[in-house]
C-alpha atoms as a PDB file:
ATOM      1  CA  MET A   1       0.000   0.000   0.000  1.00  0.00           C
ATOM      2  CA  THR A   2       1.415   3.400  -0.989  1.00  0.00           C
ATOM      3  CA  PRO A   3       1.311   6.383   1.427  1.00  0.00           C
ATOM      4  CA  LYS A   4      -1.341   8.052  -0.750  1.00  0.00           C
ATOM      5  CA  THR A   5      -3.450   4.868  -0.835  1.00  0.00           C
ATOM      6  CA  GLY A   6      -3.141   4.528   2.918  1.00  0.00           C
ATOM      7  CA  LEU A   7      -4.116   8.157   3.385  1.00  0.00           C
ATOM      8  CA  ALA A   8      -7.136   7.761   1.117  1.00  0.00           C
ATOM      9  CA  THR A   9      -8.289   4.685   3.038  1.00  0.00           C
ATOM     10  CA  ALA A  10      -7.867   6.544   6.306  1.00  0.00           C
ATOM     11  CA  LEU A  11      -9.818   9.492   4.920  1.00  0.00           C
ATOM     12  CA  VAL A  12     -12.683   7.237   3.842  1.00  0.00           C
ATOM     13  CA  ALA A  13     -12.806   5.720   7.311  1.00  0.00           C
ATOM     14  CA  ALA A  14     -12.638   9.140   8.966  1.00  0.00           C
ATOM     15  CA  VAL A  15     -15.339  10.627   6.744  1.00  0.00           C
ATOM     16  CA  VAL A  16     -17.634   7.648   7.232  1.00  0.00           C
ATOM     17  CA  ALA A  17     -17.129   7.736  10.992  1.00  0.00           C
ATOM     18  CA  ALA A  18     -17.756  11.482  11.148  1.00  0.00           C
ATOM     19  CA  LEU A  19     -20.921  11.307   9.043  1.00  0.00           C
ATOM     20  CA  VAL A  20     -22.268   8.326  10.957  1.00  0.00           C
ATOM     21  CA  THR A  21     -21.690  10.217  14.208  1.00  0.00           C
ATOM     22  CA  ALA A  22     -23.381  13.316  12.809  1.00  0.00           C
ATOM     23  CA  VAL A  23     -26.406  11.353  11.553  1.00  0.00           C
ATOM     24  CA  THR A  24     -26.654   9.491  14.851  1.00  0.00           C
ATOM     25  CA  LEU A  25     -26.660  12.767  16.781  1.00  0.00           C
ATOM     26  CA  VAL A  26     -29.408  14.131  14.535  1.00  0.00           C
ATOM     27  CA  VAL A  27     -31.457  10.989  15.013  1.00  0.00           C
ATOM     28  CA  VAL A  28     -30.985  11.103  18.781  1.00  0.00           C
ATOM     29  CA  TRP A  29     -32.058  14.757  18.823  1.00  0.00           C
ATOM     30  CA  ARG A  30     -35.079  14.185  16.585  1.00  0.00           C
ATOM     31  CA  THR A  31     -36.228  11.184  18.638  1.00  0.00           C
ATOM     32  CA  ALA A  32     -35.894  13.012  21.947  1.00  0.00           C
ATOM     33  CA  PRO A  33     -39.072  13.405  24.009  1.00  0.00           C
ATOM     34  CA  GLY A  34     -41.132  16.358  22.889  1.00  0.00           C
ATOM     35  CA  VAL A  35     -39.555  16.711  19.428  1.00  0.00           C
ATOM     36  CA  VAL A  36     -42.160  17.049  16.692  1.00  0.00           C
ATOM     37  CA  ASN A  37     -42.060  14.836  13.562  1.00  0.00           C
ATOM     38  CA  ALA A  38     -39.488  12.449  15.031  1.00  0.00           C
ATOM     39  CA  PRO A  39     -38.825   9.332  12.859  1.00  0.00           C
ATOM     40  CA  SER A  40     -40.334   6.158  14.147  1.00  0.00           C
ATOM     41  CA  ALA A  41     -36.998   4.323  14.185  1.00  0.00           C
ATOM     42  CA  ALA A  42     -33.347   5.228  14.188  1.00  0.00           C
ATOM     43  CA  LEU A  43     -31.481   4.955  10.898  1.00  0.00           C
ATOM     44  CA  ASP A  44     -29.571   1.707  10.404  1.00  0.00           C
ATOM     45  CA  GLU A  45     -25.889   2.502  10.940  1.00  0.00           C
ATOM     46  CA  LYS A  46     -24.722  -0.164   8.467  1.00  0.00           C
ATOM     47  CA  LYS A  47     -26.931   1.311   5.744  1.00  0.00           C
ATOM     48  CA  ILE A  48     -25.466   4.743   6.419  1.00  0.00           C
ATOM     49  CA  VAL A  49     -21.938   3.375   6.152  1.00  0.00           C
ATOM     50  CA  ASP A  50     -22.762   1.525   2.932  1.00  0.00           C
ATOM     51  CA  VAL A  51     -24.331   4.594   1.315  1.00  0.00           C
ATOM     52  CA  ILE A  52     -21.436   6.892   2.234  1.00  0.00           C
ATOM     53  CA  HIS A  53     -18.797   4.368   1.220  1.00  0.00           C
ATOM     54  CA  ASP A  54     -20.575   3.709  -2.099  1.00  0.00           C
ATOM     55  CA  TYR A  55     -20.797   7.439  -2.819  1.00  0.00           C
ATOM     56  CA  LEU A  56     -17.113   8.080  -2.079  1.00  0.00           C
ATOM     57  CA  THR A  57     -16.090   5.064  -4.155  1.00  0.00           C
ATOM     58  CA  LYS A  58     -18.081   6.344  -7.141  1.00  0.00           C
ATOM     59  CA  ASN A  59     -16.714   9.884  -6.660  1.00  0.00           C
ATOM     60  CA  PRO A  60     -13.026   9.339  -5.809  1.00  0.00           C
ATOM     61  CA  GLU A  61     -12.142  12.872  -6.914  1.00  0.00           C
ATOM     62  CA  ILE A  62     -13.535  13.981  -3.566  1.00  0.00           C
ATOM     63  CA  LEU A  63     -10.812  11.984  -1.841  1.00  0.00           C
ATOM     64  CA  VAL A  64      -8.176  13.561  -4.089  1.00  0.00           C
ATOM     65  CA  GLU A  65      -9.484  17.008  -3.172  1.00  0.00           C
ATOM     66  CA  MET A  66      -9.481  16.068   0.503  1.00  0.00           C
ATOM     67  CA  THR A  67      -5.955  14.672   0.322  1.00  0.00           C
ATOM     68  CA  ASN A  68      -4.654  17.759  -1.483  1.00  0.00           C
ATOM     69  CA  GLU A  69      -6.330  20.068   1.004  1.00  0.00           C
ATOM     70  CA  LEU A  70      -4.931  18.077   3.924  1.00  0.00           C
ATOM     71  CA  ASP A  71      -1.436  18.200   2.396  1.00  0.00           C
ATOM     72  CA  LYS A  72      -1.734  21.959   1.899  1.00  0.00           C
ATOM     73  CA  ARG A  73      -2.904  22.552   5.447  1.00  0.00           C
ATOM     74  CA  GLN A  74      -0.095  20.404   6.852  1.00  0.00           C
ATOM     75  CA  GLN A  75       2.491  22.216   4.713  1.00  0.00           C
ATOM     76  CA  ASP A  76       1.103  25.600   5.763  1.00  0.00           C
ATOM     77  CA  GLU A  77       1.168  24.564   9.407  1.00  0.00           C
ATOM     78  CA  GLN A  78       4.746  23.281   9.109  1.00  0.00           C
ATOM     79  CA  ALA A  79       5.833  26.479   7.329  1.00  0.00           C
ATOM     80  CA  GLU A  80       4.231  28.588  10.060  1.00  0.00           C
ATOM     81  CA  GLN A  81       5.982  26.573  12.755  1.00  0.00           C
ATOM     82  CA  GLN A  82       9.312  26.856  10.926  1.00  0.00           C
ATOM     83  CA  GLN A  83       8.864  30.623  10.585  1.00  0.00           C
ATOM     84  CA  LYS A  84       8.464  30.894  14.338  1.00  0.00           C
ATOM     85  CA  VAL A  85      11.483  28.670  15.004  1.00  0.00           C
ATOM     86  CA  ILE A  86      13.610  30.710  12.591  1.00  0.00           C
ATOM     87  CA  SER A  87      12.521  33.968  14.201  1.00  0.00           C
ATOM     88  CA  ASP A  88      13.034  32.692  17.758  1.00  0.00           C
ATOM     89  CA  ASN A  89      16.471  31.239  16.931  1.00  0.00           C
ATOM     90  CA  ALA A  90      17.719  33.721  14.331  1.00  0.00           C
ATOM     91  CA  ASP A  91      21.036  34.452  16.035  1.00  0.00           C
ATOM     92  CA  ALA A  92      21.932  30.766  16.409  1.00  0.00           C
ATOM     93  CA  ILE A  93      20.834  29.995  12.852  1.00  0.00           C
ATOM     94  CA  PHE A  94      22.371  32.914  10.962  1.00  0.00           C
ATOM     95  CA  ARG A  95      25.001  34.443  13.231  1.00  0.00           C
ATOM     96  CA  SER A  96      26.404  31.703  15.432  1.00  0.00           C
ATOM     97  CA  PRO A  97      30.140  32.118  16.138  1.00  0.00           C
ATOM     98  CA  LEU A  98      30.337  28.311  16.100  1.00  0.00           C
ATOM     99  CA  ALA A  99      29.478  27.990  12.394  1.00  0.00           C
ATOM    100  CA  TYR A 100      31.732  28.655   9.405  1.00  0.00           C
ATOM    101  CA  THR A 101      30.722  30.580   6.326  1.00  0.00           C
ATOM    102  CA  ALA A 102      31.636  31.015   2.676  1.00  0.00           C
ATOM    103  CA  GLY A 103      31.070  33.906   0.328  1.00  0.00           C
ATOM    104  CA  ASN A 104      30.703  37.470   1.555  1.00  0.00           C
ATOM    105  CA  PRO A 105      30.937  37.552   5.388  1.00  0.00           C
ATOM    106  CA  ASP A 106      28.881  40.765   5.307  1.00  0.00           C
ATOM    107  CA  GLY A 107      26.433  39.535   2.670  1.00  0.00           C
ATOM    108  CA  ASP A 108      22.940  40.963   2.510  1.00  0.00           C
ATOM    109  CA  VAL A 109      21.276  37.509   2.416  1.00  0.00           C
ATOM    110  CA  SER A 110      22.327  34.425   4.366  1.00  0.00           C
ATOM    111  CA  VAL A 111      21.811  30.924   3.001  1.00  0.00           C
ATOM    112  CA  VAL A 112      22.066  28.278   5.709  1.00  0.00           C
ATOM    113  CA  GLU A 113      22.784  24.647   4.810  1.00  0.00           C
ATOM    114  CA  PHE A 114      22.300  21.675   7.140  1.00  0.00           C
ATOM    115  CA  PHE A 115      24.266  18.715   5.771  1.00  0.00           C
ATOM    116  CA  ASP A 116      26.181  15.476   6.379  1.00  0.00           C
ATOM    117  CA  TYR A 117      29.374  14.549   4.517  1.00  0.00           C
ATOM    118  CA  ASN A 118      28.019  11.049   3.878  1.00  0.00           C
ATOM    119  CA  CYS A 119      24.723  12.322   2.474  1.00  0.00           C
ATOM    120  CA  GLY A 120      24.490  11.560  -1.246  1.00  0.00           C
ATOM    121  CA  PHE A 121      22.052  14.405  -1.874  1.00  0.00           C
ATOM    122  CA  CYS A 122      24.372  16.837  -0.098  1.00  0.00           C
ATOM    123  CA  ARG A 123      27.204  15.662  -2.328  1.00  0.00           C
ATOM    124  CA  ARG A 124      25.058  16.184  -5.409  1.00  0.00           C
ATOM    125  CA  ALA A 125      24.119  19.679  -4.226  1.00  0.00           C
ATOM    126  CA  LEU A 126      27.701  20.850  -3.612  1.00  0.00           C
ATOM    127  CA  PRO A 127      28.355  22.202  -7.149  1.00  0.00           C
ATOM    128  CA  GLU A 128      25.188  24.296  -6.924  1.00  0.00           C
ATOM    129  CA  VAL A 129      26.299  25.786  -3.607  1.00  0.00           C
ATOM    130  CA  VAL A 130      29.791  26.525  -4.946  1.00  0.00           C
ATOM    131  CA  LYS A 131      28.227  28.072  -8.060  1.00  0.00           C
ATOM    132  CA  LEU A 132      26.122  30.300  -5.847  1.00  0.00           C
ATOM    133  CA  VAL A 133      29.153  31.469  -3.854  1.00  0.00           C
ATOM    134  CA  ASP A 134      31.085  32.166  -7.065  1.00  0.00           C
ATOM    135  CA  SER A 135      28.263  33.968  -8.874  1.00  0.00           C
ATOM    136  CA  ASP A 136      26.790  36.174  -6.142  1.00  0.00           C
ATOM    137  CA  ASP A 137      29.268  38.382  -4.312  1.00  0.00           C
ATOM    138  CA  LYS A 138      26.610  39.570  -1.872  1.00  0.00           C
ATOM    139  CA  VAL A 139      25.491  36.191  -0.568  1.00  0.00           C
ATOM    140  CA  ARG A 140      26.711  34.603   2.646  1.00  0.00           C
ATOM    141  CA  VAL A 141      26.497  30.825   3.056  1.00  0.00           C
ATOM    142  CA  VAL A 142      26.386  29.411   6.600  1.00  0.00           C
ATOM    143  CA  PHE A 143      27.299  25.746   7.093  1.00  0.00           C
ATOM    144  CA  LYS A 144      25.623  23.657   9.786  1.00  0.00           C
ATOM    145  CA  GLU A 145      27.407  20.356  10.332  1.00  0.00           C
ATOM    146  CA  LEU A 146      24.692  17.781  11.043  1.00  0.00           C
ATOM    147  CA  PRO A 147      26.295  14.308  11.069  1.00  0.00           C
ATOM    148  CA  ILE A 148      23.155  12.160  11.070  1.00  0.00           C
ATOM    149  CA  PHE A 149      24.810   9.128   9.436  1.00  0.00           C
ATOM    150  CA  GLY A 150      26.754   7.972  12.470  1.00  0.00           C
ATOM    151  CA  ASP A 151      30.186   8.150  14.068  1.00  0.00           C
ATOM    152  CA  GLU A 152      32.141   8.314  10.805  1.00  0.00           C
ATOM    153  CA  SER A 153      30.205  11.378   9.712  1.00  0.00           C
ATOM    154  CA  GLU A 154      30.711  12.987  13.108  1.00  0.00           C
ATOM    155  CA  ALA A 155      34.465  12.356  12.992  1.00  0.00           C
ATOM    156  CA  ALA A 156      34.690  13.948   9.541  1.00  0.00           C
ATOM    157  CA  ALA A 157      32.643  16.917  10.736  1.00  0.00           C
ATOM    158  CA  LYS A 158      34.984  17.448  13.691  1.00  0.00           C
ATOM    159  CA  VAL A 159      38.032  17.455  11.402  1.00  0.00           C
ATOM    160  CA  ALA A 160      36.324  19.970   9.103  1.00  0.00           C
ATOM    161  CA  LEU A 161      35.463  22.266  11.999  1.00  0.00           C
ATOM    162  CA  ALA A 162      39.005  21.978  13.341  1.00  0.00           C
ATOM    163  CA  ALA A 163      40.344  22.807   9.876  1.00  0.00           C
ATOM    164  CA  GLY A 164      38.354  26.011  10.112  1.00  0.00           C
ATOM    165  CA  LYS A 165      40.566  27.130  12.970  1.00  0.00           C
ATOM    166  CA  GLN A 166      43.434  27.115  10.443  1.00  0.00           C
ATOM    167  CA  GLY A 167      41.395  28.995   7.852  1.00  0.00           C
ATOM    168  CA  LYS A 168      40.732  25.979   5.626  1.00  0.00           C
ATOM    169  CA  TYR A 169      37.127  25.106   6.375  1.00  0.00           C
ATOM    170  CA  PHE A 170      35.591  25.633   2.930  1.00  0.00           C
ATOM    171  CA  GLU A 171      38.479  23.860   1.179  1.00  0.00           C
ATOM    172  CA  MET A 172      38.071  20.889   3.541  1.00  0.00           C
ATOM    173  CA  HIS A 173      34.294  20.988   3.124  1.00  0.00           C
ATOM    174  CA  GLN A 174      34.528  20.676  -0.653  1.00  0.00           C
ATOM    175  CA  LYS A 175      37.163  17.948  -0.666  1.00  0.00           C
ATOM    176  CA  LEU A 176      35.266  15.782   1.798  1.00  0.00           C
ATOM    177  CA  PHE A 177      32.472  15.681  -0.762  1.00  0.00           C
ATOM    178  CA  THR A 178      34.521  15.459  -3.960  1.00  0.00           C
ATOM    179  CA  GLU A 179      37.250  13.018  -2.878  1.00  0.00           C
ATOM    180  CA  PRO A 180      36.185   9.363  -3.406  1.00  0.00           C
ATOM    181  CA  GLY A 181      35.192   7.130  -0.528  1.00  0.00           C
ATOM    182  CA  LYS A 182      33.145   7.400   2.633  1.00  0.00           C
ATOM    183  CA  ALA A 183      33.799  10.436   4.790  1.00  0.00           C
ATOM    184  CA  ASP A 184      35.445   9.416   8.054  1.00  0.00           C
ATOM    185  CA  LYS A 185      38.391  10.534  10.175  1.00  0.00           C
ATOM    186  CA  ASP A 186      40.988   8.753   8.028  1.00  0.00           C
ATOM    187  CA  LYS A 187      39.772  10.411   4.857  1.00  0.00           C
ATOM    188  CA  ALA A 188      39.466  13.792   6.549  1.00  0.00           C
ATOM    189  CA  MET A 189      42.997  13.585   7.952  1.00  0.00           C
ATOM    190  CA  ARG A 190      44.350  12.594   4.545  1.00  0.00           C
ATOM    191  CA  VAL A 191      42.614  15.624   3.015  1.00  0.00           C
ATOM    192  CA  ALA A 192      44.003  17.805   5.806  1.00  0.00           C
ATOM    193  CA  THR A 193      47.513  16.668   4.929  1.00  0.00           C
ATOM    194  CA  GLU A 194      46.897  17.428   1.248  1.00  0.00           C
ATOM    195  CA  LEU A 195      45.749  20.920   2.226  1.00  0.00           C
ATOM    196  CA  GLY A 196      48.981  21.470   4.155  1.00  0.00           C
ATOM    197  CA  LEU A 197      47.359  21.793   7.575  1.00  0.00           C
ATOM    198  CA  ASP A 198      49.300  21.509  10.830  1.00  0.00           C
ATOM    199  CA  ILE A 199      48.194  17.988  11.780  1.00  0.00           C
ATOM    200  CA  PRO A 200      49.266  18.037  15.492  1.00  0.00           C
ATOM    201  CA  GLN A 201      47.422  21.329  15.927  1.00  0.00           C
ATOM    202  CA  LEU A 202      44.432  19.923  14.048  1.00  0.00           C
ATOM    203  CA  GLU A 203      44.267  16.940  16.403  1.00  0.00           C
ATOM    204  CA  LYS A 204      44.440  19.300  19.354  1.00  0.00           C
ATOM    205  CA  ASP A 205      41.729  21.585  17.954  1.00  0.00           C
ATOM    206  CA  MET A 206      39.392  18.638  17.429  1.00  0.00           C
ATOM    207  CA  GLN A 207      39.219  18.319  21.217  1.00  0.00           C
ATOM    208  CA  ASP A 208      38.242  21.950  21.672  1.00  0.00           C
ATOM    209  CA  PRO A 209      34.814  22.111  23.401  1.00  0.00           C
ATOM    210  CA  SER A 210      33.612  24.567  20.733  1.00  0.00           C
ATOM    211  CA  ILE A 211      33.691  21.748  18.161  1.00  0.00           C
ATOM    212  CA  GLN A 212      31.180  19.625  20.066  1.00  0.00           C
ATOM    213  CA  HIS A 213      29.157  22.714  20.920  1.00  0.00           C
ATOM    214  CA  SER A 214      28.853  23.484  17.197  1.00  0.00           C
ATOM    215  CA  LEU A 215      27.525  19.989  16.462  1.00  0.00           C
ATOM    216  CA  ASP A 216      25.136  20.122  19.417  1.00  0.00           C
ATOM    217  CA  GLU A 217      23.825  23.507  18.347  1.00  0.00           C
ATOM    218  CA  ALA A 218      23.131  22.335  14.793  1.00  0.00           C
ATOM    219  CA  LYS A 219      21.393  19.199  16.063  1.00  0.00           C
ATOM    220  CA  GLU A 220      19.178  21.197  18.409  1.00  0.00           C
ATOM    221  CA  LEU A 221      18.225  23.642  15.646  1.00  0.00           C
ATOM    222  CA  ALA A 222      17.465  20.782  13.242  1.00  0.00           C
ATOM    223  CA  GLN A 223      15.148  19.212  15.804  1.00  0.00           C
ATOM    224  CA  LYS A 224      13.332  22.488  16.382  1.00  0.00           C
ATOM    225  CA  LEU A 225      12.901  22.961  12.631  1.00  0.00           C
ATOM    226  CA  GLY A 226      11.488  19.460  12.270  1.00  0.00           C
ATOM    227  CA  LEU A 227      14.224  18.527   9.803  1.00  0.00           C
ATOM    228  CA  GLN A 228      13.514  15.137   8.216  1.00  0.00           C
ATOM    229  CA  GLY A 229      16.840  14.670   6.424  1.00  0.00           C
ATOM    230  CA  THR A 230      19.731  16.442   4.777  1.00  0.00           C
ATOM    231  CA  PRO A 231      20.289  18.734   3.075  1.00  0.00           C
ATOM    232  CA  LEU A 232      18.015  21.549   4.192  1.00  0.00           C
ATOM    233  CA  TYR A 233      18.469  25.137   3.043  1.00  0.00           C
ATOM    234  CA  LEU A 234      17.203  28.280   4.721  1.00  0.00           C
ATOM    235  CA  ILE A 235      17.311  31.374   2.539  1.00  0.00           C
ATOM    236  CA  GLY A 236      16.493  33.987   5.102  1.00  0.00           C
ATOM    237  CA  ASP A 237      13.233  32.563   6.392  1.00  0.00           C
ATOM    238  CA  ARG A 238      12.444  30.684   3.166  1.00  0.00           C
ATOM    239  CA  VAL A 239      13.001  26.916   3.097  1.00  0.00           C
ATOM    240  CA  VAL A 240      14.239  24.543   0.392  1.00  0.00           C
ATOM    241  CA  PRO A 241      14.340  20.888   1.542  1.00  0.00           C
ATOM    242  CA  GLY A 242      16.515  18.299  -0.182  1.00  0.00           C
ATOM    243  CA  ALA A 243      18.539  18.699  -3.359  1.00  0.00           C
ATOM    244  CA  PRO A 244      16.093  19.278  -6.253  1.00  0.00           C
ATOM    245  CA  ASP A 245      17.451  19.272  -9.795  1.00  0.00           C
ATOM    246  CA  ASP A 246      16.857  23.023  -9.996  1.00  0.00           C
ATOM    247  CA  LEU A 247      18.434  23.793  -6.620  1.00  0.00           C
ATOM    248  CA  TYR A 248      20.534  26.688  -7.912  1.00  0.00           C
ATOM    249  CA  ASP A 249      17.494  28.276  -9.544  1.00  0.00           C
ATOM    250  CA  GLN A 250      15.418  27.854  -6.396  1.00  0.00           C
ATOM    251  CA  LEU A 251      18.159  29.341  -4.227  1.00  0.00           C
ATOM    252  CA  THR A 252      18.681  32.356  -6.472  1.00  0.00           C
ATOM    253  CA  ALA A 253      14.927  32.941  -6.792  1.00  0.00           C
ATOM    254  CA  LYS A 254      14.449  32.940  -3.027  1.00  0.00           C
ATOM    255  CA  ILE A 255      17.517  35.142  -2.530  1.00  0.00           C
ATOM    256  CA  ALA A 256      15.977  37.661  -4.940  1.00  0.00           C
ATOM    257  CA  GLU A 257      12.678  37.387  -3.075  1.00  0.00           C
ATOM    258  CA  VAL A 258      14.331  38.075   0.288  1.00  0.00           C
ATOM    259  CA  ARG A 259      16.209  41.041  -1.166  1.00  0.00           C
ATOM    260  CA  GLU A 260      12.993  42.489  -2.522  1.00  0.00           C
ATOM    261  CA  LYS A 261      10.540  41.694   0.270  1.00  0.00           C
ATOM    262  CA  GLY A 262      12.702  40.959   3.301  1.00  0.00           C
ATOM    263  CA  CYS A 263      11.928  38.253   5.847  1.00  0.00           C
ATOM    264  CA  LYS A 264       8.556  37.673   7.442  1.00  0.00           C
ATOM    265  CA  ALA A 265      10.413  36.367  10.484  1.00  0.00           C
ATOM    266  CA  THR A 266      13.592  37.679  12.052  1.00  0.00           C
ATOM    267  CA  CYS A 267      16.570  36.557   9.971  1.00  0.00           C
END
C-alpha cells in the first residue's frame, strides 16, 4: 500500500465515521421526548456506512481534493511553525560564532545549509552551492554540520570544523564531498595533509569544546525545525528541503525574493 493509498483509506474511514456520528446525533435529537415529527426508528448505521462508502467510491475525486487540502494545510502549518522557530532562533541559525561561512561575510542575504558529509544528496548539491558562492558576491552561506549518518560522519565533521581554525574550512568541506570514498576521520585527515594543515594542531583543535558545541547547536536547531533529512536550506526565512534538480534556480529565486521583500520572520 502506498502512502497516498493509505491516506485515502484513512480518509474514507474518517469521513464515514464522522458522518455516521453526525447522523446518529441528529437521530438522537429528533427522537428526543417532545420533538415534533421524530422518525419512528433510528437509521440503520450499516446502511449509512454503505451509502457513504458507495458514494465516495463512485466519486473518488472527492478523496483527491481532501488529500490535497490536507497536504496543503499540513504544509502551511509546518511552514508557520518553521517561521516561528527561525525567528526565535535567528542568532543561532544565521550568526552563530560556532558555524563557518563562505562567500561574503557581510552579505545581505544568508543561506544556511544543514548537511552530512556522507549524504548523497548533499554531495550532489555541492556544485550548486559553490556556483552560488562564485556567482553572487553579496550572498553569505552558513554551514551547519549535522552528522546524522553515524560516528564516521561525526568524525569527519569534527576534522572539518578543526580545519576552520586554520582557515581551511571551505576547502576541507569541498574535498570531503569530492574526494572518493566514505567520509570518516581517516579520509578527513588525509585531506588535511593534502591541504597542508598543521596535523598536530588539528588533532588538538578537534578536542576543543567549541567543536562539540557546534555539532550540538546544529542538532538542536534541526530538531526544532522538524528537519527530516539532509540537506536543508534556509534562505532567510524561506526553506528549500533536499537537493532538487533546480536547486541553484530555487536558491537564487528565493535570494531575490528576500532582497525584494525581506523576511517575514527575524533573519
